[in-house]
N, C-alpha and C. Protein backbone atom coordinates (compact mmCIF):
# COMPACT_ATOMS: atom_id res chain seq x y z
N UNK A 1 18.75 28.10 8.31
CA UNK A 1 17.80 27.00 8.17
C UNK A 1 18.19 26.14 6.97
N UNK A 2 18.19 24.86 7.17
CA UNK A 2 18.53 23.93 6.10
C UNK A 2 17.28 23.68 5.28
N UNK A 3 17.40 23.85 3.98
CA UNK A 3 16.22 23.60 3.16
C UNK A 3 16.22 22.13 2.74
N UNK A 4 15.06 21.51 2.85
CA UNK A 4 14.95 20.10 2.50
C UNK A 4 14.80 19.95 1.00
N UNK A 5 15.33 18.83 0.52
CA UNK A 5 15.16 18.49 -0.89
C UNK A 5 13.69 18.14 -1.10
N UNK A 6 13.15 18.60 -2.19
CA UNK A 6 11.75 18.33 -2.51
C UNK A 6 11.58 16.84 -2.79
N UNK A 7 10.68 16.20 -2.06
CA UNK A 7 10.47 14.76 -2.21
C UNK A 7 9.51 14.47 -3.36
N UNK A 8 9.73 13.34 -3.99
CA UNK A 8 8.84 12.87 -5.05
C UNK A 8 8.12 11.64 -4.55
N UNK A 9 6.80 11.69 -4.59
CA UNK A 9 5.96 10.60 -4.12
C UNK A 9 5.28 9.97 -5.33
N UNK A 10 5.38 8.66 -5.42
CA UNK A 10 4.69 7.93 -6.48
C UNK A 10 3.36 7.46 -5.90
N UNK A 11 2.25 7.94 -6.47
CA UNK A 11 0.92 7.56 -6.00
C UNK A 11 0.29 6.68 -7.07
N UNK A 12 -0.01 5.43 -6.66
CA UNK A 12 -0.51 4.46 -7.64
C UNK A 12 -1.81 3.82 -7.20
N UNK A 13 -2.66 3.55 -8.20
CA UNK A 13 -3.88 2.77 -7.96
C UNK A 13 -4.08 1.88 -9.18
N UNK A 14 -5.13 1.12 -9.17
CA UNK A 14 -5.37 0.16 -10.25
C UNK A 14 -5.39 0.79 -11.64
N UNK A 15 -6.07 1.92 -11.79
CA UNK A 15 -6.20 2.55 -13.11
C UNK A 15 -5.35 3.80 -13.28
N UNK A 16 -4.80 4.33 -12.17
CA UNK A 16 -4.01 5.56 -12.25
C UNK A 16 -4.88 6.80 -12.35
N UNK A 17 -6.19 6.64 -12.13
CA UNK A 17 -7.08 7.78 -12.27
C UNK A 17 -7.87 8.05 -11.00
N UNK A 18 -8.82 7.21 -10.68
CA UNK A 18 -9.81 7.52 -9.64
C UNK A 18 -9.23 7.64 -8.24
N UNK A 19 -8.87 6.53 -7.62
CA UNK A 19 -8.46 6.62 -6.22
C UNK A 19 -7.12 7.33 -6.06
N UNK A 20 -6.25 7.22 -7.04
CA UNK A 20 -4.96 7.92 -6.90
C UNK A 20 -5.15 9.43 -6.91
N UNK A 21 -6.18 9.92 -7.59
CA UNK A 21 -6.47 11.35 -7.60
C UNK A 21 -6.94 11.80 -6.22
N UNK A 22 -7.80 11.02 -5.59
CA UNK A 22 -8.27 11.34 -4.24
C UNK A 22 -7.08 11.35 -3.28
N UNK A 23 -6.23 10.33 -3.35
CA UNK A 23 -5.07 10.22 -2.48
C UNK A 23 -4.11 11.39 -2.72
N UNK A 24 -3.86 11.72 -3.98
CA UNK A 24 -2.97 12.84 -4.32
C UNK A 24 -3.47 14.13 -3.70
N UNK A 25 -4.77 14.41 -3.83
CA UNK A 25 -5.34 15.64 -3.27
C UNK A 25 -5.17 15.70 -1.76
N UNK A 26 -5.38 14.57 -1.09
CA UNK A 26 -5.24 14.53 0.37
C UNK A 26 -3.79 14.72 0.80
N UNK A 27 -2.86 14.12 0.06
CA UNK A 27 -1.44 14.30 0.38
C UNK A 27 -1.03 15.75 0.18
N UNK A 28 -1.44 16.35 -0.93
CA UNK A 28 -1.08 17.74 -1.21
C UNK A 28 -1.65 18.67 -0.14
N UNK A 29 -2.88 18.41 0.28
CA UNK A 29 -3.51 19.23 1.31
C UNK A 29 -2.75 19.11 2.64
N UNK A 30 -2.40 17.88 3.02
CA UNK A 30 -1.67 17.65 4.28
C UNK A 30 -0.28 18.27 4.22
N UNK A 31 0.39 18.14 3.07
CA UNK A 31 1.73 18.71 2.90
C UNK A 31 1.68 20.24 2.99
N UNK A 32 0.65 20.82 2.38
CA UNK A 32 0.50 22.28 2.40
C UNK A 32 0.34 22.79 3.83
N UNK A 33 -0.43 22.07 4.65
CA UNK A 33 -0.62 22.45 6.05
C UNK A 33 0.70 22.46 6.81
N UNK A 34 1.63 21.61 6.38
CA UNK A 34 2.94 21.50 7.03
C UNK A 34 4.00 22.37 6.31
N UNK A 35 3.56 23.15 5.32
CA UNK A 35 4.47 23.95 4.50
C UNK A 35 5.53 23.11 3.81
N UNK A 36 5.12 21.96 3.31
CA UNK A 36 6.03 21.06 2.59
C UNK A 36 5.67 21.07 1.11
N UNK A 37 6.69 21.13 0.29
CA UNK A 37 6.49 21.13 -1.15
C UNK A 37 6.89 19.75 -1.67
N UNK A 38 6.00 19.11 -2.41
CA UNK A 38 6.29 17.77 -2.92
C UNK A 38 5.96 17.66 -4.40
N UNK A 39 6.63 16.72 -5.04
CA UNK A 39 6.28 16.33 -6.40
C UNK A 39 5.47 15.04 -6.28
N UNK A 40 4.41 14.93 -7.06
CA UNK A 40 3.65 13.69 -7.05
C UNK A 40 3.53 13.18 -8.47
N UNK A 41 3.84 11.89 -8.62
CA UNK A 41 3.67 11.22 -9.90
C UNK A 41 2.52 10.24 -9.71
N UNK A 42 1.46 10.38 -10.48
CA UNK A 42 0.33 9.46 -10.42
C UNK A 42 0.47 8.43 -11.52
N UNK A 43 0.20 7.17 -11.18
CA UNK A 43 0.30 6.13 -12.21
C UNK A 43 -0.54 4.92 -11.83
N UNK A 44 -0.59 3.97 -12.76
CA UNK A 44 -1.22 2.68 -12.50
C UNK A 44 -0.21 1.83 -11.73
N UNK A 45 -0.71 0.88 -10.95
CA UNK A 45 0.18 -0.03 -10.23
C UNK A 45 1.11 -0.73 -11.22
N UNK A 46 0.59 -1.07 -12.39
CA UNK A 46 1.40 -1.76 -13.40
C UNK A 46 2.53 -0.90 -13.95
N UNK A 47 2.48 0.41 -13.71
CA UNK A 47 3.52 1.33 -14.21
C UNK A 47 4.56 1.70 -13.15
N UNK A 48 4.38 1.21 -11.92
CA UNK A 48 5.28 1.61 -10.83
C UNK A 48 6.74 1.38 -11.20
N UNK A 49 7.04 0.24 -11.77
CA UNK A 49 8.44 -0.09 -12.09
C UNK A 49 9.11 1.00 -12.92
N UNK A 50 8.37 1.58 -13.86
CA UNK A 50 8.98 2.58 -14.75
C UNK A 50 9.17 3.94 -14.07
N UNK A 51 8.49 4.18 -12.95
CA UNK A 51 8.62 5.46 -12.24
C UNK A 51 9.37 5.36 -10.91
N UNK A 52 9.53 4.15 -10.39
CA UNK A 52 10.06 3.95 -9.03
C UNK A 52 11.42 4.60 -8.82
N UNK A 53 12.27 4.56 -9.82
CA UNK A 53 13.62 5.10 -9.67
C UNK A 53 13.60 6.58 -9.31
N UNK A 54 12.62 7.33 -9.82
CA UNK A 54 12.53 8.77 -9.58
C UNK A 54 11.81 9.13 -8.29
N UNK A 55 11.23 8.14 -7.62
CA UNK A 55 10.42 8.41 -6.43
C UNK A 55 11.21 8.18 -5.14
N UNK A 56 10.87 8.97 -4.12
CA UNK A 56 11.45 8.76 -2.79
C UNK A 56 10.70 7.65 -2.06
N UNK A 57 9.40 7.59 -2.26
CA UNK A 57 8.61 6.49 -1.70
C UNK A 57 7.31 6.35 -2.48
N UNK A 58 6.60 5.25 -2.21
CA UNK A 58 5.40 4.91 -2.96
C UNK A 58 4.19 4.90 -2.03
N UNK A 59 3.10 5.47 -2.51
CA UNK A 59 1.83 5.43 -1.79
C UNK A 59 0.84 4.77 -2.75
N UNK A 60 0.21 3.70 -2.30
CA UNK A 60 -0.68 2.97 -3.19
C UNK A 60 -1.97 2.55 -2.51
N UNK A 61 -3.02 2.39 -3.29
CA UNK A 61 -4.31 1.98 -2.74
C UNK A 61 -4.51 0.47 -2.87
N UNK A 62 -3.52 -0.22 -3.40
CA UNK A 62 -3.62 -1.68 -3.54
C UNK A 62 -2.39 -2.32 -2.90
N UNK A 63 -2.41 -3.62 -2.79
CA UNK A 63 -1.27 -4.35 -2.23
C UNK A 63 -0.20 -4.48 -3.31
N UNK A 64 1.02 -4.12 -2.95
CA UNK A 64 2.13 -4.23 -3.90
C UNK A 64 2.87 -5.54 -3.71
N UNK A 65 3.19 -6.18 -4.82
CA UNK A 65 4.00 -7.40 -4.76
C UNK A 65 5.47 -7.02 -4.64
N UNK A 66 5.83 -5.89 -5.21
CA UNK A 66 7.22 -5.44 -5.21
C UNK A 66 7.22 -3.92 -5.04
N UNK A 67 8.00 -3.43 -4.08
CA UNK A 67 8.06 -1.97 -3.88
C UNK A 67 9.35 -1.40 -4.47
N UNK A 68 10.08 -2.22 -5.22
CA UNK A 68 11.27 -1.76 -5.96
C UNK A 68 12.28 -1.05 -5.07
N UNK A 69 12.44 -1.56 -3.85
CA UNK A 69 13.43 -1.01 -2.94
C UNK A 69 13.02 0.31 -2.28
N UNK A 70 11.79 0.70 -2.46
CA UNK A 70 11.29 1.96 -1.88
C UNK A 70 10.34 1.66 -0.73
N UNK A 71 10.23 2.58 0.21
CA UNK A 71 9.22 2.45 1.25
C UNK A 71 7.86 2.56 0.58
N UNK A 72 6.95 1.70 1.00
CA UNK A 72 5.61 1.70 0.43
C UNK A 72 4.59 1.92 1.55
N UNK A 73 3.67 2.85 1.33
CA UNK A 73 2.63 3.15 2.31
C UNK A 73 1.28 2.82 1.69
N UNK A 74 0.48 2.01 2.40
CA UNK A 74 -0.85 1.66 1.92
C UNK A 74 -1.80 2.82 2.22
N UNK A 75 -2.38 3.38 1.19
CA UNK A 75 -3.24 4.56 1.33
C UNK A 75 -4.72 4.25 1.30
N UNK A 76 -5.09 2.98 1.41
CA UNK A 76 -6.51 2.63 1.40
C UNK A 76 -7.31 3.41 2.45
N UNK A 77 -6.74 3.67 3.66
CA UNK A 77 -7.49 4.47 4.63
C UNK A 77 -7.86 5.88 4.13
N UNK A 78 -7.11 6.41 3.16
CA UNK A 78 -7.46 7.73 2.60
C UNK A 78 -8.70 7.65 1.73
N UNK A 79 -9.05 6.44 1.31
CA UNK A 79 -10.26 6.24 0.51
C UNK A 79 -11.43 5.90 1.43
N UNK A 80 -11.18 5.02 2.41
CA UNK A 80 -12.26 4.57 3.30
C UNK A 80 -12.55 5.57 4.41
N UNK A 81 -11.53 6.39 4.76
CA UNK A 81 -11.69 7.33 5.85
C UNK A 81 -11.37 6.72 7.21
N UNK A 82 -11.18 5.40 7.25
CA UNK A 82 -10.88 4.71 8.51
C UNK A 82 -9.36 4.64 8.67
N UNK A 83 -8.84 5.36 9.66
CA UNK A 83 -7.39 5.40 9.87
C UNK A 83 -6.68 6.43 9.00
N UNK A 84 -7.44 7.34 8.42
CA UNK A 84 -6.90 8.35 7.50
C UNK A 84 -5.83 9.23 8.15
N UNK A 85 -6.10 9.72 9.36
CA UNK A 85 -5.14 10.62 10.02
C UNK A 85 -3.80 9.95 10.24
N UNK A 86 -3.81 8.67 10.63
CA UNK A 86 -2.57 7.94 10.88
C UNK A 86 -1.75 7.79 9.60
N UNK A 87 -2.41 7.48 8.50
CA UNK A 87 -1.71 7.33 7.22
C UNK A 87 -1.14 8.66 6.76
N UNK A 88 -1.90 9.73 6.89
CA UNK A 88 -1.39 11.05 6.50
C UNK A 88 -0.19 11.43 7.36
N UNK A 89 -0.25 11.10 8.64
CA UNK A 89 0.87 11.38 9.54
C UNK A 89 2.12 10.62 9.08
N UNK A 90 1.94 9.35 8.70
CA UNK A 90 3.06 8.54 8.22
C UNK A 90 3.65 9.12 6.93
N UNK A 91 2.79 9.57 6.04
CA UNK A 91 3.25 10.17 4.78
C UNK A 91 4.03 11.46 5.05
N UNK A 92 3.50 12.32 5.92
CA UNK A 92 4.18 13.58 6.26
C UNK A 92 5.54 13.30 6.90
N UNK A 93 5.59 12.31 7.79
CA UNK A 93 6.87 11.95 8.41
C UNK A 93 7.87 11.49 7.37
N UNK A 94 7.40 10.75 6.38
CA UNK A 94 8.28 10.26 5.32
C UNK A 94 8.77 11.43 4.46
N UNK A 95 7.92 12.41 4.20
CA UNK A 95 8.31 13.59 3.43
C UNK A 95 9.41 14.36 4.17
N UNK A 96 9.28 14.43 5.50
CA UNK A 96 10.22 15.20 6.31
C UNK A 96 11.59 14.54 6.48
N UNK A 97 11.70 13.27 6.14
CA UNK A 97 12.98 12.55 6.32
C UNK A 97 14.06 13.11 5.42
């Protein structure tokens, strides 16, 4: 069996505290169900540039002007609950790549 490299996900919100914590917990829970191990870096949207190089992709609760060459997934559905399963599926698929 080929072991996958552990992916690093950058989770960002306006303050780097409230909604990014909710999103982080949901990603970790979904990854655990799939037996996937991930690194998560939580930050403010304004800090993305300084962390982007270390991340495989970005998950954010706000609209990004620049994704710094990384795939960006809008995680607002993880806060509203509307479309949550689809977003989690997209995140898990990205982890598995």
